All heavy atoms as atom14 arrays in JSON, in Angstrom:
{
  "sequence": "EMIDAAVFPGGQGGPLMHNIAGKAVGFAEALEPA",
  "atom14_mask": [
    [1, 1, 1, 1, 1, 1, 1, 1, 1, 0, 0, 0, 0, 0],
    [1, 1, 1, 1, 1, 1, 1, 1, 0, 0, 0, 0, 0, 0],
    [1, 1, 1, 1, 1, 1, 1, 1, 0, 0, 0, 0, 0, 0],
    [1, 1, 1, 1, 1, 1, 1, 1, 0, 0, 0, 0, 0, 0],
    [1, 1, 1, 1, 1, 0, 0, 0, 0, 0, 0, 0, 0, 0],
    [1, 1, 1, 1, 1, 0, 0, 0, 0, 0, 0, 0, 0, 0],
    [1, 1, 1, 1, 1, 1, 1, 0, 0, 0, 0, 0, 0, 0],
    [1, 1, 1, 1, 1, 1, 1, 1, 1, 1, 1, 0, 0, 0],
    [1, 1, 1, 1, 1, 1, 1, 0, 0, 0, 0, 0, 0, 0],
    [1, 1, 1, 1, 0, 0, 0, 0, 0, 0, 0, 0, 0, 0],
    [1, 1, 1, 1, 0, 0, 0, 0, 0, 0, 0, 0, 0, 0],
    [1, 1, 1, 1, 1, 1, 1, 1, 1, 0, 0, 0, 0, 0],
    [1, 1, 1, 1, 0, 0, 0, 0, 0, 0, 0, 0, 0, 0],
    [1, 1, 1, 1, 0, 0, 0, 0, 0, 0, 0, 0, 0, 0],
    [1, 1, 1, 1, 1, 1, 1, 0, 0, 0, 0, 0, 0, 0],
    [1, 1, 1, 1, 1, 1, 1, 1, 0, 0, 0, 0, 0, 0],
    [1, 1, 1, 1, 1, 1, 1, 1, 0, 0, 0, 0, 0, 0],
    [1, 1, 1, 1, 1, 1, 1, 1, 1, 1, 0, 0, 0, 0],
    [1, 1, 1, 1, 1, 1, 1, 1, 0, 0, 0, 0, 0, 0],
    [1, 1, 1, 1, 1, 1, 1, 1, 0, 0, 0, 0, 0, 0],
    [1, 1, 1, 1, 1, 0, 0, 0, 0, 0, 0, 0, 0, 0],
    [1, 1, 1, 1, 0, 0, 0, 0, 0, 0, 0, 0, 0, 0],
    [1, 1, 1, 1, 1, 1, 1, 1, 1, 0, 0, 0, 0, 0],
    [1, 1, 1, 1, 1, 0, 0, 0, 0, 0, 0, 0, 0, 0],
    [1, 1, 1, 1, 1, 1, 1, 0, 0, 0, 0, 0, 0, 0],
    [1, 1, 1, 1, 0, 0, 0, 0, 0, 0, 0, 0, 0, 0],
    [1, 1, 1, 1, 1, 1, 1, 1, 1, 1, 1, 0, 0, 0],
    [1, 1, 1, 1, 1, 0, 0, 0, 0, 0, 0, 0, 0, 0],
    [1, 1, 1, 1, 1, 1, 1, 1, 1, 0, 0, 0, 0, 0],
    [1, 1, 1, 1, 1, 0, 0, 0, 0, 0, 0, 0, 0, 0],
    [1, 1, 1, 1, 1, 1, 1, 1, 0, 0, 0, 0, 0, 0],
    [1, 1, 1, 1, 1, 1, 1, 1, 1, 0, 0, 0, 0, 0],
    [1, 1, 1, 1, 1, 1, 1, 0, 0, 0, 0, 0, 0, 0],
    [1, 1, 1, 1, 1, 0, 0, 0, 0, 0, 0, 0, 0, 0]
  ],
  "atom14_positions": [
    [[28.96, 47.18, -37.75], [27.85, 46.89, -38.63], [28.07, 45.62, -39.42], [27.13, 44.79, -39.54], [27.57, 48.11, -39.56], [26.31, 47.9, -40.43], [26.0, 49.19, -41.24], [26.64, 50.24, -40.97], [25.13, 49.07, -42.1], [0.0, 0.0, 0.0], [0.0, 0.0, 0.0], [0.0, 0.0, 0.0], [0.0, 0.0, 0.0], [0.0, 0.0, 0.0]],
    [[29.22, 45.41, -39.89], [29.47, 44.27, -40.73], [29.48, 43.0, -39.83], [29.01, 41.93, -40.3], [30.83, 44.35, -41.4], [32.08, 44.51, -40.55], [33.56, 44.88, -41.53], [34.09, 43.32, -42.18], [0.0, 0.0, 0.0], [0.0, 0.0, 0.0], [0.0, 0.0, 0.0], [0.0, 0.0, 0.0], [0.0, 0.0, 0.0], [0.0, 0.0, 0.0]],
    [[29.93, 43.13, -38.58], [29.87, 41.93, -37.66], [28.45, 41.58, -37.31], [28.06, 40.45, -37.33], [30.72, 42.2, -36.43], [32.2, 42.07, -36.79], [30.34, 41.21, -35.3], [32.67, 40.73, -37.26], [0.0, 0.0, 0.0], [0.0, 0.0, 0.0], [0.0, 0.0, 0.0], [0.0, 0.0, 0.0], [0.0, 0.0, 0.0], [0.0, 0.0, 0.0]],
    [[27.62, 42.63, -36.92], [26.25, 42.34, -36.57], [25.53, 41.74, -37.72], [24.7, 40.73, -37.53], [25.58, 43.6, -36.11], [26.01, 44.09, -34.74], [26.74, 43.37, -34.1], [25.65, 45.2, -34.35], [0.0, 0.0, 0.0], [0.0, 0.0, 0.0], [0.0, 0.0, 0.0], [0.0, 0.0, 0.0], [0.0, 0.0, 0.0], [0.0, 0.0, 0.0]],
    [[25.75, 42.15, -38.95], [25.02, 41.58, -40.15], [25.46, 40.14, -40.38], [24.72, 39.34, -40.87], [25.3, 42.54, -41.33], [0.0, 0.0, 0.0], [0.0, 0.0, 0.0], [0.0, 0.0, 0.0], [0.0, 0.0, 0.0], [0.0, 0.0, 0.0], [0.0, 0.0, 0.0], [0.0, 0.0, 0.0], [0.0, 0.0, 0.0], [0.0, 0.0, 0.0]],
    [[26.77, 39.92, -40.08], [27.33, 38.54, -40.36], [26.68, 37.53, -39.32], [26.53, 36.37, -39.65], [28.85, 38.55, -40.23], [0.0, 0.0, 0.0], [0.0, 0.0, 0.0], [0.0, 0.0, 0.0], [0.0, 0.0, 0.0], [0.0, 0.0, 0.0], [0.0, 0.0, 0.0], [0.0, 0.0, 0.0], [0.0, 0.0, 0.0], [0.0, 0.0, 0.0]],
    [[26.45, 37.97, -38.14], [25.8, 37.13, -37.18], [24.34, 36.95, -37.46], [23.83, 35.84, -37.64], [25.98, 37.65, -35.73], [25.23, 36.8, -34.73], [27.47, 37.72, -35.36], [0.0, 0.0, 0.0], [0.0, 0.0, 0.0], [0.0, 0.0, 0.0], [0.0, 0.0, 0.0], [0.0, 0.0, 0.0], [0.0, 0.0, 0.0], [0.0, 0.0, 0.0]],
    [[23.59, 38.07, -37.61], [22.18, 37.96, -37.98], [21.91, 39.12, -39.03], [22.29, 40.25, -38.73], [21.22, 38.18, -36.78], [19.79, 38.29, -37.28], [19.06, 37.15, -37.57], [19.2, 39.51, -37.47], [17.77, 37.27, -38.06], [17.93, 39.69, -37.91], [17.2, 38.52, -38.16], [0.0, 0.0, 0.0], [0.0, 0.0, 0.0], [0.0, 0.0, 0.0]],
    [[21.43, 38.74, -40.2], [20.95, 37.45, -40.62], [21.95, 36.53, -41.23], [21.54, 35.51, -41.81], [19.86, 37.85, -41.56], [20.39, 39.06, -42.22], [21.13, 39.85, -41.22], [0.0, 0.0, 0.0], [0.0, 0.0, 0.0], [0.0, 0.0, 0.0], [0.0, 0.0, 0.0], [0.0, 0.0, 0.0], [0.0, 0.0, 0.0], [0.0, 0.0, 0.0]],
    [[23.26, 36.94, -41.3], [24.25, 36.25, -42.08], [24.41, 34.78, -41.72], [24.65, 33.97, -42.61], [0.0, 0.0, 0.0], [0.0, 0.0, 0.0], [0.0, 0.0, 0.0], [0.0, 0.0, 0.0], [0.0, 0.0, 0.0], [0.0, 0.0, 0.0], [0.0, 0.0, 0.0], [0.0, 0.0, 0.0], [0.0, 0.0, 0.0], [0.0, 0.0, 0.0]],
    [[24.41, 34.46, -40.4], [24.74, 33.1, -40.08], [23.77, 32.44, -39.01], [23.92, 31.23, -38.82], [0.0, 0.0, 0.0], [0.0, 0.0, 0.0], [0.0, 0.0, 0.0], [0.0, 0.0, 0.0], [0.0, 0.0, 0.0], [0.0, 0.0, 0.0], [0.0, 0.0, 0.0], [0.0, 0.0, 0.0], [0.0, 0.0, 0.0], [0.0, 0.0, 0.0]],
    [[23.0, 33.24, -38.34], [22.1, 32.77, -37.35], [20.67, 33.32, -37.54], [20.61, 34.44, -38.08], [22.65, 33.03, -35.96], [23.95, 32.34, -35.58], [24.42, 32.64, -34.22], [25.48, 32.11, -33.83], [23.66, 33.43, -33.45], [0.0, 0.0, 0.0], [0.0, 0.0, 0.0], [0.0, 0.0, 0.0], [0.0, 0.0, 0.0], [0.0, 0.0, 0.0]],
    [[19.73, 32.69, -36.95], [18.32, 33.23, -36.86], [18.14, 33.8, -35.5], [18.89, 34.58, -35.01], [0.0, 0.0, 0.0], [0.0, 0.0, 0.0], [0.0, 0.0, 0.0], [0.0, 0.0, 0.0], [0.0, 0.0, 0.0], [0.0, 0.0, 0.0], [0.0, 0.0, 0.0], [0.0, 0.0, 0.0], [0.0, 0.0, 0.0], [0.0, 0.0, 0.0]],
    [[17.12, 33.24, -34.78], [16.82, 33.77, -33.49], [17.91, 33.48, -32.49], [18.45, 32.35, -32.43], [0.0, 0.0, 0.0], [0.0, 0.0, 0.0], [0.0, 0.0, 0.0], [0.0, 0.0, 0.0], [0.0, 0.0, 0.0], [0.0, 0.0, 0.0], [0.0, 0.0, 0.0], [0.0, 0.0, 0.0], [0.0, 0.0, 0.0], [0.0, 0.0, 0.0]],
    [[18.27, 34.46, -31.75], [19.3, 34.3, -30.66], [18.73, 33.39, -29.52], [17.49, 33.4, -29.3], [19.62, 35.69, -30.21], [18.36, 36.46, -30.53], [17.73, 35.91, -31.76], [0.0, 0.0, 0.0], [0.0, 0.0, 0.0], [0.0, 0.0, 0.0], [0.0, 0.0, 0.0], [0.0, 0.0, 0.0], [0.0, 0.0, 0.0], [0.0, 0.0, 0.0]],
    [[19.61, 32.74, -28.81], [19.15, 31.9, -27.69], [19.21, 32.8, -26.46], [20.18, 32.92, -25.79], [20.22, 30.74, -27.54], [20.45, 29.9, -28.82], [21.47, 28.78, -28.55], [19.14, 29.27, -29.35], [0.0, 0.0, 0.0], [0.0, 0.0, 0.0], [0.0, 0.0, 0.0], [0.0, 0.0, 0.0], [0.0, 0.0, 0.0], [0.0, 0.0, 0.0]],
    [[18.04, 33.39, -26.19], [17.93, 34.37, -25.19], [18.2, 33.84, -23.77], [18.74, 34.53, -22.9], [16.58, 35.05, -25.21], [16.31, 35.94, -26.4], [17.66, 37.12, -26.84], [17.87, 37.97, -25.33], [0.0, 0.0, 0.0], [0.0, 0.0, 0.0], [0.0, 0.0, 0.0], [0.0, 0.0, 0.0], [0.0, 0.0, 0.0], [0.0, 0.0, 0.0]],
    [[17.94, 32.53, -23.59], [18.27, 31.97, -22.23], [19.77, 31.89, -22.09], [20.28, 32.12, -20.98], [17.59, 30.6, -22.02], [17.88, 29.57, -23.21], [17.61, 29.91, -24.43], [18.37, 28.35, -23.18], [17.95, 28.83, -25.22], [18.43, 27.88, -24.42], [0.0, 0.0, 0.0], [0.0, 0.0, 0.0], [0.0, 0.0, 0.0], [0.0, 0.0, 0.0]],
    [[20.51, 31.58, -23.13], [21.97, 31.53, -23.09], [22.52, 32.96, -22.91], [23.52, 33.17, -22.15], [22.56, 30.93, -24.3], [22.51, 29.42, -24.27], [21.64, 28.86, -23.56], [23.37, 28.74, -24.99], [0.0, 0.0, 0.0], [0.0, 0.0, 0.0], [0.0, 0.0, 0.0], [0.0, 0.0, 0.0], [0.0, 0.0, 0.0], [0.0, 0.0, 0.0]],
    [[21.9, 33.93, -23.55], [22.34, 35.33, -23.45], [22.14, 35.77, -21.97], [22.96, 36.46, -21.43], [21.69, 36.22, -24.47], [22.19, 35.82, -25.87], [21.94, 37.67, -24.13], [21.48, 36.6, -26.96], [0.0, 0.0, 0.0], [0.0, 0.0, 0.0], [0.0, 0.0, 0.0], [0.0, 0.0, 0.0], [0.0, 0.0, 0.0], [0.0, 0.0, 0.0]],
    [[21.05, 35.34, -21.42], [20.82, 35.66, -19.95], [21.87, 35.03, -19.13], [22.43, 35.67, -18.14], [19.5, 35.21, -19.56], [0.0, 0.0, 0.0], [0.0, 0.0, 0.0], [0.0, 0.0, 0.0], [0.0, 0.0, 0.0], [0.0, 0.0, 0.0], [0.0, 0.0, 0.0], [0.0, 0.0, 0.0], [0.0, 0.0, 0.0], [0.0, 0.0, 0.0]],
    [[22.26, 33.79, -19.46], [23.38, 33.21, -18.72], [24.69, 33.91, -18.92], [25.46, 33.99, -17.93], [0.0, 0.0, 0.0], [0.0, 0.0, 0.0], [0.0, 0.0, 0.0], [0.0, 0.0, 0.0], [0.0, 0.0, 0.0], [0.0, 0.0, 0.0], [0.0, 0.0, 0.0], [0.0, 0.0, 0.0], [0.0, 0.0, 0.0], [0.0, 0.0, 0.0]],
    [[24.89, 34.46, -20.07], [26.1, 35.26, -20.27], [26.05, 36.54, -19.43], [26.98, 36.92, -18.81], [26.24, 35.69, -21.78], [26.45, 34.46, -22.7], [26.37, 34.94, -24.12], [26.38, 33.73, -25.11], [26.34, 34.11, -26.55], [0.0, 0.0, 0.0], [0.0, 0.0, 0.0], [0.0, 0.0, 0.0], [0.0, 0.0, 0.0], [0.0, 0.0, 0.0]],
    [[24.87, 37.18, -19.44], [24.72, 38.44, -18.65], [25.0, 38.19, -17.19], [25.7, 39.01, -16.52], [23.34, 39.04, -18.85], [0.0, 0.0, 0.0], [0.0, 0.0, 0.0], [0.0, 0.0, 0.0], [0.0, 0.0, 0.0], [0.0, 0.0, 0.0], [0.0, 0.0, 0.0], [0.0, 0.0, 0.0], [0.0, 0.0, 0.0], [0.0, 0.0, 0.0]],
    [[24.42, 37.14, -16.64], [24.65, 36.87, -15.23], [26.08, 36.46, -14.89], [26.7, 36.99, -13.95], [23.66, 35.66, -14.73], [24.0, 35.29, -13.33], [22.17, 36.09, -14.93], [0.0, 0.0, 0.0], [0.0, 0.0, 0.0], [0.0, 0.0, 0.0], [0.0, 0.0, 0.0], [0.0, 0.0, 0.0], [0.0, 0.0, 0.0], [0.0, 0.0, 0.0]],
    [[26.66, 35.66, -15.81], [28.06, 35.28, -15.54], [29.02, 36.46, -15.71], [29.98, 36.6, -15.01], [0.0, 0.0, 0.0], [0.0, 0.0, 0.0], [0.0, 0.0, 0.0], [0.0, 0.0, 0.0], [0.0, 0.0, 0.0], [0.0, 0.0, 0.0], [0.0, 0.0, 0.0], [0.0, 0.0, 0.0], [0.0, 0.0, 0.0], [0.0, 0.0, 0.0]],
    [[28.7, 37.41, -16.64], [29.5, 38.6, -16.77], [29.41, 39.48, -15.54], [30.35, 40.1, -15.09], [29.1, 39.41, -17.97], [29.37, 38.74, -19.31], [28.71, 39.19, -20.49], [30.23, 37.64, -19.44], [29.01, 38.53, -21.67], [30.49, 36.99, -20.63], [29.87, 37.47, -21.77], [0.0, 0.0, 0.0], [0.0, 0.0, 0.0], [0.0, 0.0, 0.0]],
    [[28.19, 39.55, -14.94], [27.96, 40.36, -13.71], [28.86, 39.73, -12.58], [29.48, 40.45, -11.8], [26.53, 40.34, -13.37], [0.0, 0.0, 0.0], [0.0, 0.0, 0.0], [0.0, 0.0, 0.0], [0.0, 0.0, 0.0], [0.0, 0.0, 0.0], [0.0, 0.0, 0.0], [0.0, 0.0, 0.0], [0.0, 0.0, 0.0], [0.0, 0.0, 0.0]],
    [[28.91, 38.43, -12.54], [29.79, 37.78, -11.52], [31.23, 38.1, -11.76], [32.01, 38.28, -10.79], [29.5, 36.28, -11.52], [28.1, 35.9, -11.05], [27.83, 34.4, -11.19], [28.6, 33.72, -12.05], [26.85, 33.93, -10.58], [0.0, 0.0, 0.0], [0.0, 0.0, 0.0], [0.0, 0.0, 0.0], [0.0, 0.0, 0.0], [0.0, 0.0, 0.0]],
    [[31.62, 38.04, -13.06], [32.99, 38.33, -13.36], [33.43, 39.76, -13.1], [34.63, 40.05, -12.99], [33.31, 38.01, -14.84], [0.0, 0.0, 0.0], [0.0, 0.0, 0.0], [0.0, 0.0, 0.0], [0.0, 0.0, 0.0], [0.0, 0.0, 0.0], [0.0, 0.0, 0.0], [0.0, 0.0, 0.0], [0.0, 0.0, 0.0], [0.0, 0.0, 0.0]],
    [[32.5, 40.68, -12.96], [32.86, 42.06, -12.6], [33.03, 42.21, -11.09], [33.54, 43.34, -10.67], [31.7, 43.03, -13.11], [31.7, 43.26, -14.62], [30.37, 43.86, -15.02], [32.83, 44.1, -15.02], [0.0, 0.0, 0.0], [0.0, 0.0, 0.0], [0.0, 0.0, 0.0], [0.0, 0.0, 0.0], [0.0, 0.0, 0.0], [0.0, 0.0, 0.0]],
    [[32.69, 41.25, -10.31], [32.94, 41.31, -8.86], [34.41, 41.05, -8.52], [35.08, 40.28, -9.26], [32.06, 40.26, -8.2], [30.58, 40.48, -8.22], [30.18, 41.69, -7.42], [30.4, 41.62, -6.14], [29.7, 42.71, -7.97], [0.0, 0.0, 0.0], [0.0, 0.0, 0.0], [0.0, 0.0, 0.0], [0.0, 0.0, 0.0], [0.0, 0.0, 0.0]],
    [[34.93, 41.68, -7.52], [36.32, 41.47, -7.08], [36.7, 39.98, -6.93], [37.86, 39.6, -7.17], [36.51, 42.31, -5.81], [35.49, 43.35, -5.93], [34.3, 42.76, -6.63], [0.0, 0.0, 0.0], [0.0, 0.0, 0.0], [0.0, 0.0, 0.0], [0.0, 0.0, 0.0], [0.0, 0.0, 0.0], [0.0, 0.0, 0.0], [0.0, 0.0, 0.0]],
    [[35.76, 39.16, -6.46], [36.09, 37.79, -6.14], [36.46, 37.02, -7.43], [37.19, 36.05, -7.31], [34.88, 37.12, -5.55], [0.0, 0.0, 0.0], [0.0, 0.0, 0.0], [0.0, 0.0, 0.0], [0.0, 0.0, 0.0], [0.0, 0.0, 0.0], [0.0, 0.0, 0.0], [0.0, 0.0, 0.0], [0.0, 0.0, 0.0], [0.0, 0.0, 0.0]]
  ]
}
């Protein structure tokens, strides 16, 4: 709870959803054996 509050609204406003999508896709690739 303290970490989430420190990120928003503590230090950032709207999240960069296109970057978060890039994180999601990259994490999916990192879960592959390759």
